[in-house]
Every structure is written in C-alpha cells, then in structure tokens.
Amino acid sequence: MRIKNIQIHPPLAAAPLAGITDQVNRLMAREFGAAWVVSEMVSCKGIIHDQAKTWELLARDAEEPLAVQLFGSVPAEVAEAAAIVAEKVKPLAIDINMGCPTPKIVKGGDGAALLLNPKLAGEIVRRTVDAIKIPVTVKTRKAWDASSPDCLELVREVEAAGAAAVAIHGRTRDQFYAGRADWGIIRAVKEAVSVPVIGNGDVTSAAEAKRMFAVTGCDAVMVGRAAIGNPWLYRDITRSLAGLAPLAPPSLAERLAVARRHLGMVIERKGEYRGIREMRLQLAWYLKGLPRAARMRDAINKADSIGEIESIFAAIE
C-alpha cells in the first residue's frame, strides 16, 4: 500500500490507542512486523498552547516511521497544530481522529462527533492539507449510532478535501468496543473512494487479517486492542501475508522476557514510578490466558516497584 509517496509493506498498521501506543509500544509494534504506527491521539489545543503533557505524548525515535494523530474540531486550530507538529516532530503523516467515542472527546465536538458534521470534517482536512506538505489521513467509525447515516458522506468529503487515506473502524460510536465490527462498511468505503482504505476492528489473528482483506478489499489492516501484550500478532500476520508457515505461540519464558524488556524500555524513558503505573495494563495482558491470570493482574495493579513485578513473574516461571 502507498499513502502518497510512502510505501507501507507489509500492509499492516498498529492502531492508535490512548494510553497505550506511546513511543515504546510503537517501537515494539515495528519490531514485530507492523509497517505503519500511529501516535496516541494528541490535542490540537494542547499543541497550540505548548502544554508539556501534550508534548510528552509525541516523544519518538528519529528512525521510527510515524504518523501523528491529532484531535480537534476547529479547522484553523487543527491546521495550526499540524503545522507545528510537522516542523518539530517531523512525522511522515498527520492523522486526524474522527472516531474516538469517549464522552470527554465527543462533548467538545471532536473525535466521533465529526460523524455528525461531514462538511466540517471536510473543512478540517482541507485547511490541514493546505497548511502542511506531508500527507493527511483520517480515522473514523462506521457511524454515530445505528439510526444515524453511515460514514460514507464523511469519507467522500475528506477525500475531496485532500485526505490521502482513510481508516475505518467497523463499529458505531455508541458501540464503543462492544459487539462485532461491521466489515461491510469497510467494503462500502473502499467502493466509495479512490484513496487507500485501512480496515480496523476485530483483527485478532492472522486468519482474521486475511479474511478482512478478502471480505472488504481494503488496502491494509489495522490491529488495535488484540495486540496489547501480544506483539506476536504482528509477527503472525506478517508471516501469513508473506505466505510463510506459522510459528508456534510464544512460550511462557518468551512472554515474560518480552514483557520485561518492554517494561525496562518504558522505565528508561519515564522512570520507575510512572513507568510501572503506565505499564500495568499491558503487563497484565502479557499474562492473559495463564492460570491465575486474574489474581496476577490484581497483583500487578498494586505493584509499585520493579522488585514487586519481578516477584510476580518469578512466581509463575
């Protein structure tokens, strides 16, 4: 897949996830096979007002092929923030969030709220495209709710405004992450626009990734929550797309080794206190499916030091 002049091979993307896809998570995704990674969403107002916490979300490695995702609903502000990020962070693309379902985002008219105003969505993209030289992409959802129009008008508006690609999560805003994703809307979007379409929602295995390509005709698949604590999913999908035989699932020793390395990289960048707290969710997912996983998750959520984490891991080795 190509987004303007950017070659993405294999056609596999790591979805932006708030509180998850920080610098280290993206590096892990790249290491295991994702060809395209996107930052967790960043506030345009936070960038414009030079808020330190906002800039912390944009920490990156120079060699990382990165798209920065912004959220906002005032065209001039999104364009200004995109120009600042393009100059200071130098990502390969700017992605605009038009799909986040959380109340604190939509109440300000941002994220999935833009599904209710396709004309505004188009104007946001138009102003942003005019402000920067790198590609502008959009990530959105199927619709606001089951009784609302689907996202086809929005994707046509943003394509006409210059969006270089669109990613579609096959759930409505009111579904959040429950129920099944509707891959039919991804196919409908693919048939409605000429820019690359990235499919998102319920890609939980290599087999499901291949099925999404077959069912939707999408140009790339995007993996989200299924890869939390399971970067081997990127490896499995990459091998499947290349026609290679699957590898055995990671052993317990391998899972713990990667979890330790992931935690160590986060602590190196953020310190032990903050790093452990930010990694609690991901560490618990590394242990998903093991005997006594719920008990271990509770212990991890109370851990405050590397020593406590090591004690939890040592008990299951």
Foldseek 3Di string as FASTA:
>chain_A
DDQVPDDFPPQEEADADPLQPAALNQVLLVVQAGRAYEFHEAELVCQVVVPPVRVNSLDYDPPRQYEYEYKDQDLVSLQVSLLSCCVPRVHQEYEYAQAQLDPVAVVRVIHVSCLVPLLSLLSSLLSNVVRDPHAYEYEHEQGQDPPGHGSLSNLVSNVVSHHREYEYFQDHSVCRQDDFRDLVSLLVNVVRDDHAYEYETPPQALVVQVVSCVPRVGSHYYYYPNCQLPSNRSNRNSCVVVVHDGDDGDDLVRLVVVLVVSLVVQCVVVNQQVSLQSCLVSSLSSCPPPPPSVVLSVQSNPDRGPVSVVVSSVVVD
